[in-house]
C-alpha atoms as a PDB file:
ATOM      1  CA  UNK A   1      65.071 -33.522 -44.302  1.00  0.00           C
ATOM      2  CA  UNK A   2      67.167 -36.526 -45.283  1.00  0.00           C
ATOM      3  CA  UNK A   3      66.856 -37.261 -48.982  1.00  0.00           C
ATOM      4  CA  UNK A   4      68.312 -40.336 -50.668  1.00  0.00           C
ATOM      5  CA  UNK A   5      68.509 -41.242 -54.353  1.00  0.00           C
ATOM      6  CA  UNK A   6      65.891 -43.965 -53.764  1.00  0.00           C
ATOM      7  CA  UNK A   7      63.437 -41.267 -52.641  1.00  0.00           C
ATOM      8  CA  UNK A   8      63.923 -39.353 -55.877  1.00  0.00           C
ATOM      9  CA  UNK A   9      63.546 -42.551 -57.906  1.00  0.00           C
ATOM     10  CA  UNK A  10      60.344 -43.327 -55.993  1.00  0.00           C
ATOM     11  CA  UNK A  11      58.777 -39.930 -56.687  1.00  0.00           C
ATOM     12  CA  UNK A  12      59.665 -40.170 -60.377  1.00  0.00           C
ATOM     13  CA  UNK A  13      58.399 -43.743 -60.726  1.00  0.00           C
ATOM     14  CA  UNK A  14      55.024 -43.015 -59.062  1.00  0.00           C
ATOM     15  CA  UNK A  15      54.545 -39.917 -61.229  1.00  0.00           C
ATOM     16  CA  UNK A  16      55.311 -41.821 -64.420  1.00  0.00           C
ATOM     17  CA  UNK A  17      53.317 -44.941 -63.465  1.00  0.00           C
ATOM     18  CA  UNK A  18      50.291 -43.053 -62.119  1.00  0.00           C
ATOM     19  CA  UNK A  19      49.865 -45.389 -59.128  1.00  0.00           C
ATOM     20  CA  UNK A  20      51.663 -47.263 -56.370  1.00  0.00           C
ATOM     21  CA  UNK A  21      51.150 -50.784 -57.731  1.00  0.00           C
ATOM     22  CA  UNK A  22      52.746 -50.146 -61.129  1.00  0.00           C
ATOM     23  CA  UNK A  23      55.499 -48.013 -59.599  1.00  0.00           C
ATOM     24  CA  UNK A  24      56.321 -50.826 -57.157  1.00  0.00           C
ATOM     25  CA  UNK A  25      56.692 -53.209 -60.123  1.00  0.00           C
ATOM     26  CA  UNK A  26      59.029 -50.796 -61.873  1.00  0.00           C
ATOM     27  CA  UNK A  27      61.150 -50.408 -58.736  1.00  0.00           C
ATOM     28  CA  UNK A  28      61.061 -54.146 -58.045  1.00  0.00           C
ATOM     29  CA  UNK A  29      59.740 -53.734 -54.489  1.00  0.00           C
ATOM     30  CA  UNK A  30      56.419 -54.574 -52.842  1.00  0.00           C
ATOM     31  CA  UNK A  31      53.579 -52.070 -52.827  1.00  0.00           C
ATOM     32  CA  UNK A  32      53.625 -52.166 -49.034  1.00  0.00           C
ATOM     33  CA  UNK A  33      57.307 -51.257 -48.914  1.00  0.00           C
ATOM     34  CA  UNK A  34      56.708 -48.435 -51.388  1.00  0.00           C
ATOM     35  CA  UNK A  35      53.791 -47.052 -49.339  1.00  0.00           C
ATOM     36  CA  UNK A  36      55.941 -47.164 -46.202  1.00  0.00           C
ATOM     37  CA  UNK A  37      58.740 -45.296 -47.991  1.00  0.00           C
ATOM     38  CA  UNK A  38      56.323 -42.585 -49.202  1.00  0.00           C
ATOM     39  CA  UNK A  39      54.854 -42.159 -45.714  1.00  0.00           C
ATOM     40  CA  UNK A  40      58.343 -41.817 -44.211  1.00  0.00           C
ATOM     41  CA  UNK A  41      59.258 -39.189 -46.796  1.00  0.00           C
ATOM     42  CA  UNK A  42      56.038 -37.236 -46.134  1.00  0.00           C
ATOM     43  CA  UNK A  43      56.690 -37.398 -42.380  1.00  0.00           C
ATOM     44  CA  UNK A  44      60.129 -35.879 -42.951  1.00  0.00           C
ATOM     45  CA  UNK A  45      58.760 -33.165 -45.217  1.00  0.00           C
ATOM     46  CA  UNK A  46      55.762 -32.451 -43.015  1.00  0.00           C
ATOM     47  CA  UNK A  47      53.689 -32.194 -46.213  1.00  0.00           C
ATOM     48  CA  UNK A  48      51.633 -34.486 -48.423  1.00  0.00           C
ATOM     49  CA  UNK A  49      53.481 -35.327 -51.601  1.00  0.00           C
ATOM     50  CA  UNK A  50      50.486 -36.845 -53.455  1.00  0.00           C
ATOM     51  CA  UNK A  51      46.845 -35.971 -53.976  1.00  0.00           C
ATOM     52  CA  UNK A  52      45.496 -39.401 -53.050  1.00  0.00           C
ATOM     53  CA  UNK A  53      41.883 -38.954 -54.129  1.00  0.00           C
ATOM     54  CA  UNK A  54      42.830 -38.750 -57.808  1.00  0.00           C
ATOM     55  CA  UNK A  55      43.291 -41.401 -60.443  1.00  0.00           C
ATOM     56  CA  UNK A  56      45.892 -41.592 -61.720  1.00  0.00           C
ATOM     57  CA  UNK A  57      47.746 -40.587 -58.591  1.00  0.00           C
ATOM     58  CA  UNK A  58      48.982 -37.011 -58.906  1.00  0.00           C
ATOM     59  CA  UNK A  59      51.749 -35.148 -57.181  1.00  0.00           C
ATOM     60  CA  UNK A  60      50.977 -32.272 -54.861  1.00  0.00           C
ATOM     61  CA  UNK A  61      52.788 -28.953 -55.189  1.00  0.00           C
ATOM     62  CA  UNK A  62      55.432 -30.217 -52.759  1.00  0.00           C
ATOM     63  CA  UNK A  63      55.699 -33.470 -54.674  1.00  0.00           C
ATOM     64  CA  UNK A  64      56.253 -31.561 -57.919  1.00  0.00           C
ATOM     65  CA  UNK A  65      59.236 -29.788 -56.353  1.00  0.00           C
ATOM     66  CA  UNK A  66      60.770 -33.161 -55.533  1.00  0.00           C
ATOM     67  CA  UNK A  67      60.021 -34.384 -59.067  1.00  0.00           C
ATOM     68  CA  UNK A  68      61.882 -31.427 -60.570  1.00  0.00           C
ATOM     69  CA  UNK A  69      64.836 -32.225 -58.316  1.00  0.00           C
ATOM     70  CA  UNK A  70      64.717 -35.883 -59.398  1.00  0.00           C
ATOM     71  CA  UNK A  71      64.670 -34.874 -63.080  1.00  0.00           C
ATOM     72  CA  UNK A  72      67.827 -32.809 -62.562  1.00  0.00           C
ATOM     73  CA  UNK A  73      69.775 -35.108 -60.275  1.00  0.00           C
ATOM     74  CA  UNK A  74      69.038 -38.622 -61.515  1.00  0.00           C
ATOM     75  CA  UNK A  75      70.352 -38.121 -65.089  1.00  0.00           C
ATOM     76  CA  UNK A  76      73.577 -36.627 -63.689  1.00  0.00           C
ATOM     77  CA  UNK A  77      73.999 -39.565 -61.329  1.00  0.00           C
ATOM     78  CA  UNK A  78      73.356 -42.015 -64.183  1.00  0.00           C
ATOM     79  CA  UNK A  79      75.911 -40.236 -66.373  1.00  0.00           C
ATOM     80  CA  UNK A  80      78.495 -40.334 -63.572  1.00  0.00           C
ATOM     81  CA  UNK A  81      77.883 -44.033 -63.001  1.00  0.00           C
ATOM     82  CA  UNK A  82      78.379 -44.689 -66.717  1.00  0.00           C
ATOM     83  CA  UNK A  83      81.586 -42.653 -66.662  1.00  0.00           C
ATOM     84  CA  UNK A  84      82.868 -44.690 -63.710  1.00  0.00           C
ATOM     85  CA  UNK A  85      81.994 -47.926 -65.529  1.00  0.00           C
ATOM     86  CA  UNK A  86      83.934 -46.718 -68.559  1.00  0.00           C
ATOM     87  CA  UNK A  87      86.895 -45.737 -66.382  1.00  0.00           C
ATOM     88  CA  UNK A  88      86.919 -49.169 -64.756  1.00  0.00           C
ATOM     89  CA  UNK A  89      86.773 -50.861 -68.137  1.00  0.00           C
ATOM     90  CA  UNK A  90      89.413 -48.537 -69.627  1.00  0.00           C
ATOM     91  CA  UNK A  91      87.079 -47.066 -72.259  1.00  0.00           C
ATOM     92  CA  UNK A  92      87.401 -43.481 -71.077  1.00  0.00           C
ATOM     93  CA  UNK A  93      89.838 -41.325 -69.178  1.00  0.00           C
ATOM     94  CA  UNK A  94      92.191 -38.383 -69.597  1.00  0.00           C
ATOM     95  CA  UNK A  95      95.317 -38.078 -71.709  1.00  0.00           C
ATOM     96  CA  UNK A  96      96.891 -34.659 -71.250  1.00  0.00           C
ATOM     97  CA  UNK A  97     100.303 -34.467 -72.894  1.00  0.00           C
ATOM     98  CA  UNK A  98     103.326 -32.238 -72.271  1.00  0.00           C
ATOM     99  CA  UNK A  99     106.115 -32.124 -74.843  1.00  0.00           C
ATOM    100  CA  UNK A 100     109.801 -31.528 -74.184  1.00  0.00           C
ATOM    101  CA  UNK A 101     110.511 -32.039 -77.897  1.00  0.00           C
ATOM    102  CA  UNK A 102     109.553 -28.893 -79.808  1.00  0.00           C
ATOM    103  CA  UNK A 103     109.425 -30.581 -83.226  1.00  0.00           C
ATOM    104  CA  UNK A 104     107.281 -33.493 -82.024  1.00  0.00           C
ATOM    105  CA  UNK A 105     104.096 -31.856 -83.274  1.00  0.00           C
ATOM    106  CA  UNK A 106     105.113 -33.026 -86.756  1.00  0.00           C
ATOM    107  CA  UNK A 107     104.414 -36.673 -85.854  1.00  0.00           C
ATOM    108  CA  UNK A 108     102.200 -36.278 -82.770  1.00  0.00           C
ATOM    109  CA  UNK A 109      99.135 -34.983 -84.617  1.00  0.00           C
ATOM    110  CA  UNK A 110      98.867 -38.051 -86.905  1.00  0.00           C
ATOM    111  CA  UNK A 111      99.202 -40.234 -83.791  1.00  0.00           C
ATOM    112  CA  UNK A 112      96.447 -38.315 -81.992  1.00  0.00           C
ATOM    113  CA  UNK A 113      94.172 -38.520 -85.029  1.00  0.00           C
ATOM    114  CA  UNK A 114      94.470 -42.317 -85.090  1.00  0.00           C
ATOM    115  CA  UNK A 115      94.026 -42.425 -81.295  1.00  0.00           C
ATOM    116  CA  UNK A 116      90.897 -40.237 -81.395  1.00  0.00           C
ATOM    117  CA  UNK A 117      89.151 -42.641 -83.744  1.00  0.00           C
ATOM    118  CA  UNK A 118      89.857 -45.607 -81.475  1.00  0.00           C
ATOM    119  CA  UNK A 119      89.152 -43.866 -78.135  1.00  0.00           C
ATOM    120  CA  UNK A 120      86.524 -41.135 -78.672  1.00  0.00           C
ATOM    121  CA  UNK A 121      85.659 -40.985 -74.946  1.00  0.00           C
ATOM    122  CA  UNK A 122      89.189 -40.165 -73.791  1.00  0.00           C
ATOM    123  CA  UNK A 123      89.785 -36.466 -73.106  1.00  0.00           C
ATOM    124  CA  UNK A 124      92.926 -35.562 -75.070  1.00  0.00           C
ATOM    125  CA  UNK A 125      94.809 -32.291 -74.705  1.00  0.00           C
ATOM    126  CA  UNK A 126      98.297 -30.910 -75.255  1.00  0.00           C
ATOM    127  CA  UNK A 127      99.169 -28.701 -72.313  1.00  0.00           C
ATOM    128  CA  UNK A 128     101.078 -25.501 -73.165  1.00  0.00           C
ATOM    129  CA  UNK A 129     103.608 -23.821 -70.925  1.00  0.00           C
ATOM    130  CA  UNK A 130     104.779 -26.999 -69.215  1.00  0.00           C
ATOM    131  CA  UNK A 131     107.740 -27.931 -71.401  1.00  0.00           C
ATOM    132  CA  UNK A 132     110.426 -27.323 -68.791  1.00  0.00           C
ATOM    133  CA  UNK A 133     108.545 -28.506 -65.719  1.00  0.00           C
ATOM    134  CA  UNK A 134     106.795 -31.322 -67.528  1.00  0.00           C
ATOM    135  CA  UNK A 135     108.023 -34.231 -65.414  1.00  0.00           C
ATOM    136  CA  UNK A 136     107.159 -32.434 -62.191  1.00  0.00           C
ATOM    137  CA  UNK A 137     103.692 -31.764 -63.646  1.00  0.00           C
ATOM    138  CA  UNK A 138     103.410 -35.481 -64.421  1.00  0.00           C
ATOM    139  CA  UNK A 139     104.169 -36.376 -60.811  1.00  0.00           C
ATOM    140  CA  UNK A 140     101.609 -33.819 -59.618  1.00  0.00           C
ATOM    141  CA  UNK A 141      99.031 -35.420 -61.964  1.00  0.00           C
ATOM    142  CA  UNK A 142      98.601 -32.176 -63.886  1.00  0.00           C
ATOM    143  CA  UNK A 143      99.480 -34.057 -67.085  1.00  0.00           C
ATOM    144  CA  UNK A 144      99.376 -37.766 -67.900  1.00  0.00           C
ATOM    145  CA  UNK A 145     102.202 -38.243 -70.403  1.00  0.00           C
ATOM    146  CA  UNK A 146     105.435 -36.428 -71.243  1.00  0.00           C
ATOM    147  CA  UNK A 147     107.346 -36.788 -74.523  1.00  0.00           C
ATOM    148  CA  UNK A 148     111.071 -36.517 -73.783  1.00  0.00           C
ATOM    149  CA  UNK A 149     114.470 -37.576 -75.107  1.00  0.00           C
ATOM    150  CA  UNK A 150     116.040 -37.364 -71.638  1.00  0.00           C
ATOM    151  CA  UNK A 151     114.888 -40.215 -69.364  1.00  0.00           C
ATOM    152  CA  UNK A 152     115.402 -39.801 -65.626  1.00  0.00           C
ATOM    153  CA  UNK A 153     115.019 -42.034 -62.599  1.00  0.00           C
ATOM    154  CA  UNK A 154     111.882 -40.771 -60.864  1.00  0.00           C
ATOM    155  CA  UNK A 155     109.721 -42.476 -58.259  1.00  0.00           C
ATOM    156  CA  UNK A 156     106.416 -43.613 -59.720  1.00  0.00           C
ATOM    157  CA  UNK A 157     107.351 -42.691 -63.307  1.00  0.00           C
ATOM    158  CA  UNK A 158     108.008 -45.123 -66.159  1.00  0.00           C
ATOM    159  CA  UNK A 159     109.875 -44.103 -69.317  1.00  0.00           C
ATOM    160  CA  UNK A 160     108.713 -46.183 -72.289  1.00  0.00           C
ATOM    161  CA  UNK A 161     110.955 -46.053 -75.389  1.00  0.00           C
ATOM    162  CA  UNK A 162     109.144 -44.880 -78.530  1.00  0.00           C
ATOM    163  CA  UNK A 163     111.472 -44.665 -81.540  1.00  0.00           C
ATOM    164  CA  UNK A 164     114.953 -43.621 -82.621  1.00  0.00           C
ATOM    165  CA  UNK A 165     115.605 -40.592 -84.779  1.00  0.00           C
ATOM    166  CA  UNK A 166     118.575 -38.808 -86.336  1.00  0.00           C
ATOM    167  CA  UNK A 167     119.295 -35.098 -85.768  1.00  0.00           C
ATOM    168  CA  UNK A 168     120.315 -33.821 -89.220  1.00  0.00           C
ATOM    169  CA  UNK A 169     122.186 -30.695 -90.374  1.00  0.00           C
ATOM    170  CA  UNK A 170     120.270 -28.600 -92.909  1.00  0.00           C
ATOM    171  CA  UNK A 171     121.525 -25.589 -94.879  1.00  0.00           C
ATOM    172  CA  UNK A 172     120.884 -23.706 -98.105  1.00  0.00           C
ATOM    173  CA  UNK A 173     121.944 -25.461-101.304  1.00  0.00           C
ATOM    174  CA  UNK A 174     124.780 -22.972-101.896  1.00  0.00           C
ATOM    175  CA  UNK A 175     126.236 -23.432 -98.405  1.00  0.00           C
ATOM    176  CA  UNK A 176     129.917 -24.544 -98.248  1.00  0.00           C
ATOM    177  CA  UNK A 177     128.869 -27.676 -96.356  1.00  0.00           C
ATOM    178  CA  UNK A 178     127.449 -28.948 -99.657  1.00  0.00           C
ATOM    179  CA  UNK A 179     131.037 -30.016-100.459  1.00  0.00           C
ATOM    180  CA  UNK A 180     131.228 -32.143 -97.309  1.00  0.00           C
ATOM    181  CA  UNK A 181     129.988 -35.681 -96.657  1.00  0.00           C
ATOM    182  CA  UNK A 182     129.185 -34.779 -93.022  1.00  0.00           C
ATOM    183  CA  UNK A 183     129.566 -31.872 -90.606  1.00  0.00           C
ATOM    184  CA  UNK A 184     131.434 -31.597 -87.308  1.00  0.00           C
ATOM    185  CA  UNK A 185     131.274 -29.219 -84.381  1.00  0.00           C
ATOM    186  CA  UNK A 186     133.858 -26.925 -85.982  1.00  0.00           C
ATOM    187  CA  UNK A 187     131.549 -26.348 -88.968  1.00  0.00           C
ATOM    188  CA  UNK A 188     129.176 -24.431 -86.655  1.00  0.00           C
ATOM    189  CA  UNK A 189     131.750 -22.020 -85.237  1.00  0.00           C
ATOM    190  CA  UNK A 190     131.213 -19.279 -87.844  1.00  0.00           C
ATOM    191  CA  UNK A 191     127.516 -19.954 -88.455  1.00  0.00           C
ATOM    192  CA  UNK A 192     124.198 -18.430 -87.421  1.00  0.00           C
ATOM    193  CA  UNK A 193     122.449 -21.381 -85.802  1.00  0.00           C
ATOM    194  CA  UNK A 194     118.638 -21.282 -86.017  1.00  0.00           C
ATOM    195  CA  UNK A 195     116.958 -23.212 -83.201  1.00  0.00           C
ATOM    196  CA  UNK A 196     113.635 -23.587 -81.468  1.00  0.00           C
ATOM    197  CA  UNK A 197     113.160 -21.257 -78.463  1.00  0.00           C
ATOM    198  CA  UNK A 198     114.131 -23.800 -75.806  1.00  0.00           C
ATOM    199  CA  UNK A 199     117.058 -24.050 -73.404  1.00  0.00           C
ATOM    200  CA  UNK A 200     120.315 -25.388 -74.828  1.00  0.00           C
ATOM    201  CA  UNK A 201     120.324 -28.532 -72.721  1.00  0.00           C
ATOM    202  CA  UNK A 202     117.223 -29.735 -74.570  1.00  0.00           C
ATOM    203  CA  UNK A 203     118.589 -29.122 -78.064  1.00  0.00           C
ATOM    204  CA  UNK A 204     120.381 -32.120 -79.583  1.00  0.00           C
ATOM    205  CA  UNK A 205     122.904 -29.966 -81.455  1.00  0.00           C
ATOM    206  CA  UNK A 206     124.155 -28.552 -78.148  1.00  0.00           C
ATOM    207  CA  UNK A 207     123.793 -31.548 -75.804  1.00  0.00           C
ATOM    208  CA  UNK A 208     125.244 -34.069 -78.265  1.00  0.00           C
ATOM    209  CA  UNK A 209     127.768 -31.979 -80.243  1.00  0.00           C
ATOM    210  CA  UNK A 210     128.601 -28.360 -79.498  1.00  0.00           C
ATOM    211  CA  UNK A 211     128.699 -28.323 -75.696  1.00  0.00           C
ATOM    212  CA  UNK A 212     130.991 -31.396 -75.395  1.00  0.00           C
ATOM    213  CA  UNK A 213     133.253 -29.899 -78.116  1.00  0.00           C
ATOM    214  CA  UNK A 214     133.188 -26.444 -76.436  1.00  0.00           C
ATOM    215  CA  UNK A 215     132.197 -24.821 -79.728  1.00  0.00           C
ATOM    216  CA  UNK A 216     130.050 -21.687 -79.810  1.00  0.00           C
ATOM    217  CA  UNK A 217     128.224 -20.629 -83.023  1.00  0.00           C
ATOM    218  CA  UNK A 218     128.750 -17.083 -84.264  1.00  0.00           C
ATOM    219  CA  UNK A 219     125.120 -16.309 -83.365  1.00  0.00           C
ATOM    220  CA  UNK A 220     121.929 -18.077 -82.322  1.00  0.00           C
ATOM    221  CA  UNK A 221     118.530 -17.151 -83.706  1.00  0.00           C
ATOM    222  CA  UNK A 222     115.467 -18.641 -82.036  1.00  0.00           C
ATOM    223  CA  UNK A 223     112.364 -19.316 -84.113  1.00  0.00           C
ATOM    224  CA  UNK A 224     109.091 -20.885 -82.984  1.00  0.00           C
ATOM    225  CA  UNK A 225     107.837 -22.545 -86.185  1.00  0.00           C
ATOM    226  CA  UNK A 226     109.554 -25.284 -88.184  1.00  0.00           C
ATOM    227  CA  UNK A 227     108.291 -23.814 -91.467  1.00  0.00           C
ATOM    228  CA  UNK A 228     109.904 -20.456 -90.644  1.00  0.00           C
ATOM    229  CA  UNK A 229     113.191 -22.140 -89.707  1.00  0.00           C
ATOM    230  CA  UNK A 230     113.244 -23.854 -93.095  1.00  0.00           C
ATOM    231  CA  UNK A 231     112.349 -20.614 -94.868  1.00  0.00           C
ATOM    232  CA  UNK A 232     115.289 -18.823 -93.231  1.00  0.00           C
ATOM    233  CA  UNK A 233     117.630 -21.706 -93.995  1.00  0.00           C
ATOM    234  CA  UNK A 234     116.593 -21.729 -97.676  1.00  0.00           C
ATOM    235  CA  UNK A 235     117.324 -17.984 -97.760  1.00  0.00           C
ATOM    236  CA  UNK A 236     120.843 -18.699 -96.446  1.00  0.00           C
ATOM    237  CA  UNK A 237     120.162 -16.741 -93.242  1.00  0.00           C
ATOM    238  CA  UNK A 238     121.581 -19.528 -91.115  1.00  0.00           C
ATOM    239  CA  UNK A 239     121.793 -23.293 -90.598  1.00  0.00           C
ATOM    240  CA  UNK A 240     119.822 -25.621 -88.386  1.00  0.00           C
ATOM    241  CA  UNK A 241     119.709 -29.125 -86.941  1.00  0.00           C
ATOM    242  CA  UNK A 242     116.312 -30.816 -87.080  1.00  0.00           C
ATOM    243  CA  UNK A 243     114.997 -34.359 -86.557  1.00  0.00           C
ATOM    244  CA  UNK A 244     114.868 -36.618 -89.604  1.00  0.00           C
ATOM    245  CA  UNK A 245     111.059 -36.792 -89.563  1.00  0.00           C
ATOM    246  CA  UNK A 246     110.927 -33.022 -90.137  1.00  0.00           C
ATOM    247  CA  UNK A 247     113.362 -33.181 -93.045  1.00  0.00           C
ATOM    248  CA  UNK A 248     111.924 -36.114 -94.999  1.00  0.00           C
ATOM    249  CA  UNK A 249     110.732 -33.792 -97.819  1.00  0.00           C
ATOM    250  CA  UNK A 250     113.587 -31.287 -97.523  1.00  0.00           C
ATOM    251  CA  UNK A 251     116.136 -34.001 -98.351  1.00  0.00           C
ATOM    252  CA  UNK A 252     114.776 -34.044-101.907  1.00  0.00           C
ATOM    253  CA  UNK A 253     114.328 -30.277-102.318  1.00  0.00           C
ATOM    254  CA  UNK A 254     116.784 -28.369-104.503  1.00  0.00           C
ATOM    255  CA  UNK A 255     116.834 -25.374-102.132  1.00  0.00           C
ATOM    256  CA  UNK A 256     118.461 -27.368 -99.322  1.00  0.00           C
ATOM    257  CA  UNK A 257     121.262 -29.728 -98.456  1.00  0.00           C
ATOM    258  CA  UNK A 258     121.142 -32.151 -95.527  1.00  0.00           C
ATOM    259  CA  UNK A 259     124.187 -33.803 -93.970  1.00  0.00           C
ATOM    260  CA  UNK A 260     124.838 -36.241 -91.116  1.00  0.00           C
ATOM    261  CA  UNK A 261     126.323 -34.803 -87.937  1.00  0.00           C
ATOM    262  CA  UNK A 262     129.761 -36.434 -87.549  1.00  0.00           C
ATOM    263  CA  UNK A 263     130.981 -39.221 -89.756  1.00  0.00           C
ATOM    264  CA  UNK A 264     128.848 -41.857 -88.035  1.00  0.00           C
ATOM    265  CA  UNK A 265     125.813 -39.625 -87.547  1.00  0.00           C
ATOM    266  CA  UNK A 266     123.872 -39.073 -84.324  1.00  0.00           C
ATOM    267  CA  UNK A 267     121.077 -41.287 -83.076  1.00  0.00           C
ATOM    268  CA  UNK A 268     118.654 -40.221 -80.357  1.00  0.00           C
ATOM    269  CA  UNK A 269     115.663 -41.932 -78.782  1.00  0.00           C
ATOM    270  CA  UNK A 270     112.331 -40.478 -77.750  1.00  0.00           C
ATOM    271  CA  UNK A 271     110.487 -41.711 -74.664  1.00  0.00           C
ATOM    272  CA  UNK A 272     107.003 -41.404 -73.227  1.00  0.00           C
ATOM    273  CA  UNK A 273     107.016 -40.815 -69.482  1.00  0.00           C
ATOM    274  CA  UNK A 274     103.851 -41.926 -67.687  1.00  0.00           C
ATOM    275  CA  UNK A 275     102.893 -42.629 -64.102  1.00  0.00           C
ATOM    276  CA  UNK A 276     103.805 -46.253 -63.478  1.00  0.00           C
ATOM    277  CA  UNK A 277     100.384 -47.283 -62.158  1.00  0.00           C
ATOM    278  CA  UNK A 278      98.715 -45.982 -65.356  1.00  0.00           C
ATOM    279  CA  UNK A 279     101.110 -47.388 -67.957  1.00  0.00           C
ATOM    280  CA  UNK A 280      98.984 -50.496 -68.582  1.00  0.00           C
ATOM    281  CA  UNK A 281      95.613 -48.743 -68.919  1.00  0.00           C
ATOM    282  CA  UNK A 282      94.138 -49.936 -72.237  1.00  0.00           C
ATOM    283  CA  UNK A 283      93.953 -46.500 -73.856  1.00  0.00           C
ATOM    284  CA  UNK A 284      97.423 -45.546 -72.597  1.00  0.00           C
ATOM    285  CA  UNK A 285      98.923 -48.777 -73.914  1.00  0.00           C
ATOM    286  CA  UNK A 286      97.266 -48.158 -77.290  1.00  0.00           C
ATOM    287  CA  UNK A 287      98.611 -44.607 -77.473  1.00  0.00           C
ATOM    288  CA  UNK A 288     102.126 -45.904 -76.776  1.00  0.00           C
ATOM    289  CA  UNK A 289     101.780 -48.484 -79.554  1.00  0.00           C
ATOM    290  CA  UNK A 290     100.689 -45.783 -81.997  1.00  0.00           C
ATOM    291  CA  UNK A 291     103.532 -43.493 -80.901  1.00  0.00           C
ATOM    292  CA  UNK A 292     106.017 -46.280 -81.616  1.00  0.00           C
ATOM    293  CA  UNK A 293     104.727 -47.080 -85.106  1.00  0.00           C
ATOM    294  CA  UNK A 294     103.186 -43.979 -86.721  1.00  0.00           C
ATOM    295  CA  UNK A 295     106.315 -41.761 -86.565  1.00  0.00           C
ATOM    296  CA  UNK A 296     108.399 -44.552 -88.107  1.00  0.00           C
ATOM    297  CA  UNK A 297     105.957 -44.637 -91.042  1.00  0.00           C
ATOM    298  CA  UNK A 298     106.504 -40.888 -91.421  1.00  0.00           C
ATOM    299  CA  UNK A 299     110.288 -41.307 -91.345  1.00  0.00           C
ATOM    300  CA  UNK A 300     110.143 -43.965 -94.075  1.00  0.00           C
ATOM    301  CA  UNK A 301     107.405 -42.393 -96.183  1.00  0.00           C
ATOM    302  CA  UNK A 302     108.413 -41.149 -99.616  1.00  0.00           C
ATOM    303  CA  UNK A 303     107.869 -37.414-100.190  1.00  0.00           C
ATOM    304  CA  UNK A 304     104.907 -36.406-102.337  1.00  0.00           C
ATOM    305  CA  UNK A 305     105.556 -36.135-106.074  1.00  0.00           C
ATOM    306  CA  UNK A 306     105.943 -32.551-107.330  1.00  0.00           C
ATOM    307  CA  UNK A 307     102.795 -31.051-108.828  1.00  0.00           C
END
């Protein structure tokens, strides 16, 4: 039996209208064409689908089975058509994000909150476990955007600049570096360096300072959470290097000191990597605009007044 969507719409319309004439009006076809369609469907089924001697016209037991199918299938088809319309118009889609920057959660959540309000029909997710294969996952379409400070030349991938930030040295208030205007690679040689649990190549303090200077800290302690890193630093258990957006409140806290790295300081840039053919989608373009402006507000925002 060959069923088409028009057959299901026909069964549903006749049931709801109670007769061929009104159903034909609803379907915008002639009554003759509708009768011919019903006869063809009954010939395929080998069963009568309507009890014709009743008014209003009623479905037979076989017809009721088709009606139940129509009531399940037609709403799903309508929902899919609406989803496709939204995709074509850019109103809906998927934005799954992988992060190569461990501290980016500090500014990413405010960005996502603003994005959610503007694009409620876009499926947003942050994908765990992809940090070190994130760009490959982007090319495989497993994720849709990667936050990275290390742009590469990849076929079909566009790196859009987001904003600049400063990696900053942070230590306990009583640390000897408090007497210095800035720190250098040599200042880390006898220190316990507290870092996020990521490979050295993706940590600014190594890629931009220690590795080129061939300086190795006395020890390295890896910690997952920013708040715990700061707690250990305040307890003088080690020093750390964190992005300026993380340290905006710490700069004014009596338990800590913050210092530039080198006399001129370090400046790094974050990028959003997206598939080139999706970079201009309306919701993607809006996310990129938010990611360029919201973190800068956080960097410039004054810390809250003490209670």
